[in-house]
Protein backbone atom coordinates (compact mmCIF):
# COMPACT_ATOMS: atom_id res chain seq x y z
CA MET A 1 162.94 14.05 -112.40
CA ARG A 2 160.00 16.39 -112.94
CA THR A 3 158.11 16.19 -116.23
CA ALA A 4 155.89 18.74 -117.90
CA ALA A 5 152.89 16.50 -117.33
CA GLY A 6 153.34 16.63 -113.56
CA PRO A 7 151.13 19.68 -112.79
CA ALA A 8 148.34 18.39 -115.06
CA VAL A 9 148.30 15.01 -113.37
CA GLY A 10 148.27 16.67 -109.97
CA ALA A 11 145.33 18.82 -111.00
CA LEU A 12 143.40 15.77 -112.15
CA ILE A 13 144.00 14.04 -108.82
CA VAL A 14 142.77 17.09 -106.92
CA LEU A 15 139.66 17.32 -109.11
CA ALA A 16 138.90 13.64 -108.55
CA ALA A 17 139.23 14.05 -104.79
CA VAL A 18 136.92 17.07 -104.84
CA ALA A 19 134.36 15.19 -106.94
CA THR A 20 134.36 12.29 -104.49
CA ALA A 21 133.98 14.59 -101.50
CA CYS A 22 131.05 16.36 -103.17
CA THR A 23 129.24 13.18 -104.14
CA PRO A 24 126.12 12.70 -101.96
CA PRO A 25 126.53 9.88 -99.39
CA GLN A 26 123.67 7.86 -100.91
CA LEU A 27 125.42 7.84 -104.31
CA GLN A 28 128.72 6.85 -102.69
CA ARG A 29 126.91 3.91 -101.03
CA ALA A 30 125.36 2.94 -104.36
CA ASP A 31 128.80 2.99 -106.02
CA ALA A 32 130.17 0.82 -103.20
CA ARG A 33 127.28 -1.61 -103.61
CA ARG A 34 127.92 -1.93 -107.34
CA SER A 35 131.55 -2.82 -106.61
CA THR A 36 130.49 -5.57 -104.17
CA PRO A 37 129.82 -9.07 -105.52
CA PRO A 38 126.04 -9.69 -105.63
CA PRO A 39 124.53 -11.85 -102.88
CA THR A 40 124.00 -15.50 -103.61
CA ALA A 41 121.44 -18.07 -102.52
CA THR A 42 123.99 -19.28 -99.98
CA SER A 43 124.29 -15.90 -98.24
CA ALA A 44 123.91 -16.54 -94.49
CA LEU A 45 120.63 -14.82 -93.69
CA THR A 46 120.08 -16.84 -90.50
CA THR A 47 122.43 -18.65 -88.13
CA PRO A 48 122.23 -22.41 -88.73
CA GLY A 49 120.03 -23.98 -86.06
CA PHE A 50 118.18 -20.76 -85.24
CA PRO A 51 115.61 -20.50 -83.78
CA PRO A 52 116.33 -23.29 -81.31
CA GLY A 53 114.01 -26.27 -81.13
CA PRO A 54 111.51 -26.48 -78.25
CA ASP A 55 113.67 -28.60 -75.96
CA ARG A 56 116.77 -26.48 -76.50
CA ALA A 57 114.74 -23.30 -76.00
CA ARG A 58 113.38 -24.62 -72.69
CA ASP A 59 116.94 -25.43 -71.60
CA GLN A 60 118.15 -21.97 -72.61
CA LEU A 61 115.25 -20.31 -70.81
CA ALA A 62 116.07 -22.20 -67.60
CA ARG A 63 119.62 -20.80 -67.76
CA LEU A 64 118.75 -17.15 -68.37
CA THR A 65 119.36 -14.72 -65.52
CA VAL A 66 116.14 -13.43 -63.98
CA ALA A 67 116.31 -9.73 -63.13
CA TRP A 68 114.25 -6.59 -63.44
CA GLY A 69 115.07 -4.27 -66.34
CA LYS A 70 117.49 -1.41 -65.76
CA ASN A 71 118.15 2.06 -67.18
CA TRP A 72 114.96 2.17 -69.23
CA GLN A 73 114.94 5.95 -68.90
CA THR A 74 118.28 6.27 -70.76
CA TYR A 75 117.27 4.34 -73.88
CA LYS A 76 117.73 6.05 -77.25
CA ARG A 77 117.37 4.44 -80.68
CA SER A 78 120.63 6.14 -81.71
CA GLU A 79 122.51 3.98 -79.17
CA PHE A 80 122.11 1.09 -81.66
CA GLY A 81 123.51 2.98 -84.63
CA ALA A 82 122.10 5.44 -87.13
CA GLY A 83 120.06 2.89 -89.09
CA TRP A 84 120.53 -0.27 -91.13
CA SER A 85 124.15 -1.26 -91.59
CA ASP A 86 125.91 -4.01 -93.52
CA GLU A 87 129.11 -3.48 -91.55
CA THR A 88 128.62 -6.19 -88.93
CA ASP A 89 129.61 -9.83 -88.48
CA ALA A 90 126.01 -10.78 -87.62
CA PRO A 91 124.09 -13.01 -90.08
CA GLY A 92 123.63 -11.14 -93.35
CA GLY A 93 126.41 -8.66 -92.56
CA ARG A 94 129.11 -7.73 -95.05
CA ASN A 95 127.30 -9.21 -98.05
CA GLY A 96 126.85 -5.88 -99.81
CA CYS A 97 123.10 -5.61 -99.13
CA ASP A 98 121.06 -3.35 -96.88
CA THR A 99 119.79 -5.19 -93.79
CA ARG A 100 116.15 -4.49 -94.65
CA ASP A 101 116.64 -5.89 -98.15
CA ASP A 102 118.16 -9.02 -96.59
CA VAL A 103 115.06 -9.46 -94.41
CA LEU A 104 112.76 -9.07 -97.41
CA ARG A 105 114.84 -11.51 -99.48
CA ARG A 106 114.57 -14.07 -96.71
CA ASP A 107 110.97 -13.64 -95.54
CA LEU A 108 108.98 -12.88 -98.71
CA LYS A 109 107.71 -15.50 -101.13
CA ASP A 110 107.12 -15.10 -104.89
CA LEU A 111 110.21 -12.92 -104.75
CA ARG A 112 111.36 -10.80 -107.69
CA GLU A 113 114.71 -9.04 -107.48
CA ASP A 114 116.10 -6.13 -109.49
CA ALA A 115 118.01 -7.52 -112.48
CA ARG A 116 120.67 -4.82 -112.08
CA ASP A 117 120.97 -5.07 -108.30
CA PRO A 118 119.92 -8.41 -106.73
CA CYS A 119 120.04 -6.80 -103.29
CA VAL A 120 116.88 -4.85 -104.14
CA VAL A 121 113.57 -6.70 -103.84
CA VAL A 122 111.18 -5.42 -106.51
CA SER A 123 108.10 -7.35 -105.38
CA GLY A 124 106.88 -10.28 -103.34
CA THR A 125 104.35 -11.40 -100.74
CA LEU A 126 104.71 -11.71 -96.98
CA HIS A 127 102.79 -14.31 -95.01
CA ASP A 128 102.83 -12.28 -91.82
CA PRO A 129 103.88 -14.54 -88.94
CA TYR A 130 102.05 -12.52 -86.29
CA THR A 131 98.62 -12.36 -87.95
CA GLY A 132 98.63 -14.78 -90.88
CA LYS A 133 97.78 -11.95 -93.31
CA GLU A 134 99.02 -12.09 -96.91
CA LEU A 135 100.70 -8.74 -97.52
CA PRO A 136 101.88 -7.73 -101.01
CA TYR A 137 105.13 -5.83 -101.39
CA SER A 138 106.19 -3.49 -104.19
CA HIS A 139 109.43 -1.55 -104.15
CA ARG A 140 107.73 1.47 -105.73
CA ARG A 141 104.70 1.69 -103.45
CA ALA A 142 104.04 2.37 -99.78
CA SER A 143 104.17 -0.92 -97.91
CA ARG A 144 102.27 -2.42 -94.98
CA ILE A 145 105.41 -4.39 -94.16
CA GLU A 146 107.95 -3.31 -91.54
CA THR A 147 111.13 -4.85 -90.21
CA ASP A 148 110.58 -5.89 -86.60
CA HIS A 149 113.20 -6.55 -83.94
CA VAL A 150 111.60 -9.55 -82.22
CA VAL A 151 113.23 -8.54 -78.94
CA ALA A 152 112.85 -4.82 -79.51
CA LEU A 153 115.83 -2.52 -79.07
CA GLY A 154 114.22 -0.92 -76.01
CA ALA A 155 113.57 -4.34 -74.46
CA ALA A 156 117.16 -5.40 -75.18
CA TRP A 157 118.45 -2.16 -73.64
CA ARG A 158 116.56 -2.81 -70.38
CA ALA A 159 117.78 -6.41 -70.33
CA GLY A 160 121.48 -5.57 -70.53
CA ALA A 161 122.28 -3.87 -73.84
CA TRP A 162 122.79 -0.61 -71.94
CA ALA A 163 126.17 -2.02 -70.86
CA TRP A 164 127.31 -3.12 -74.34
CA THR A 165 129.82 -1.45 -76.63
CA PRO A 166 128.43 0.57 -79.55
CA ALA A 167 129.75 -2.09 -81.96
CA ARG A 168 127.82 -4.86 -80.20
CA ARG A 169 124.63 -2.80 -80.19
CA LEU A 170 125.05 -2.10 -83.92
CA ALA A 171 125.51 -5.82 -84.57
CA TYR A 172 122.38 -6.62 -82.56
CA ALA A 173 120.27 -4.07 -84.42
CA ASN A 174 121.30 -5.62 -87.75
CA ASP A 175 121.37 -9.31 -86.77
CA LEU A 176 118.93 -11.16 -89.03
CA ASP A 177 118.29 -13.67 -86.23
CA VAL A 178 116.72 -10.78 -84.33
CA LEU A 179 114.67 -9.49 -87.26
CA LEU A 180 111.39 -10.45 -88.98
CA ALA A 181 109.31 -8.87 -91.71
CA ALA A 182 105.93 -8.17 -90.12
CA ASP A 183 102.62 -6.35 -90.50
CA LYS A 184 103.09 -2.63 -89.80
CA ASP A 185 100.08 -2.16 -87.49
CA THR A 186 100.84 -5.30 -85.51
CA ASN A 187 104.48 -4.28 -85.13
CA TYR A 188 103.31 -0.91 -83.83
CA ALA A 189 101.05 -2.61 -81.26
CA LYS A 190 103.90 -4.89 -80.19
CA SER A 191 106.21 -1.93 -79.59
CA SER A 192 108.91 -2.92 -77.06
CA TRP A 193 106.60 -5.08 -74.91
CA THR A 194 107.91 -8.37 -73.52
CA PRO A 195 105.79 -11.56 -73.92
CA ASP A 196 104.03 -11.06 -70.59
CA LYS A 197 102.58 -7.84 -72.06
CA TRP A 198 102.13 -8.81 -75.72
CA LYS A 199 101.81 -12.02 -77.72
CA PRO A 200 101.17 -12.49 -81.45
CA PRO A 201 97.42 -12.45 -82.29
CA ARG A 202 97.96 -15.66 -84.29
CA LYS A 203 98.26 -18.37 -81.64
CA GLU A 204 99.71 -20.83 -84.16
CA TYR A 205 102.87 -18.72 -84.02
CA TRP A 206 103.24 -18.73 -80.25
CA CYS A 207 105.62 -21.70 -80.21
CA GLU A 208 108.03 -20.16 -82.71
CA TYR A 209 107.72 -16.73 -81.11
CA GLY A 210 108.76 -18.21 -77.76
CA ARG A 211 111.64 -20.07 -79.40
CA ARG A 212 112.87 -16.96 -81.21
CA TRP A 213 112.58 -14.71 -78.17
CA THR A 214 114.39 -17.18 -75.93
CA GLY A 215 117.06 -17.87 -78.55
CA ILE A 216 117.80 -14.16 -78.92
CA LYS A 217 118.03 -13.61 -75.18
CA ALA A 218 120.38 -16.60 -74.84
CA LYS A 219 122.54 -15.59 -77.83
CA TYR A 220 123.18 -12.14 -76.39
CA GLY A 221 123.20 -13.00 -72.69
CA LEU A 222 120.20 -10.79 -71.94
CA THR A 223 118.18 -11.08 -68.74
CA VAL A 224 114.47 -11.86 -68.39
CA THR A 225 112.03 -10.62 -65.79
CA ALA A 226 110.08 -13.16 -63.72
CA PRO A 227 106.76 -12.39 -65.50
CA GLU A 228 108.53 -12.55 -68.87
CA LYS A 229 109.98 -15.96 -68.04
CA ARG A 230 106.56 -17.33 -67.07
CA ALA A 231 105.09 -16.02 -70.32
CA LEU A 232 107.88 -17.65 -72.31
CA GLN A 233 107.23 -20.94 -70.55
CA GLU A 234 103.57 -20.65 -71.60
CA LEU A 235 104.58 -19.93 -75.20
CA LEU A 236 106.95 -22.89 -75.30
CA ALA A 237 104.28 -25.13 -73.78
CA THR A 238 102.30 -24.70 -77.02
CA CYS A 239 105.07 -26.45 -78.94
CA GLY A 240 103.71 -29.86 -77.96
């Protein structure tokens, strides 16, 4: 049975669909975020037991395949997705927060979050692991803090990520085990170098850097070059 209200209802549905289609993507994402339960203190921002302890890291390093990097000339950042994504099963994924915000929430101290959106970090301080610098952060100001892939995307590509599916590369790029908040200039100097070409200026961090690098390579089944393996052994030797 057709009622007189039918055409009006249909028109409203069409208008709603048009409004949604015309809404800018960033506003659609904001609406989706508001409909997602806010993150809690128990949100998994790191895999339990990561990075591995010194002994486990040494064992993992001994088991990694030694091989020269491949296909370096075909690397493109876009192969790992178009940017930060919450749509992965990696630590921090699917919690309603941007990956970079997750890193800041985990790595900054004296943290202050937005009262309306706990995903957003308003301010805090980073004790930079690579240099030991104390770096202030403010959501409304340019920051000296960047989000670093410990094993850079280019380094992962050469070590085997070139053969992965797009979904696995996206997960890697947004895996909080792979990521650290770090000093911008130091991150730039690090680039995609492996440990035989670059080590953190702060030697007190060498042990953990070696553990993290080895743990990431083991987690994703990536290869290491012979010089890289020797450098990792030297880093792990500082663990005592």
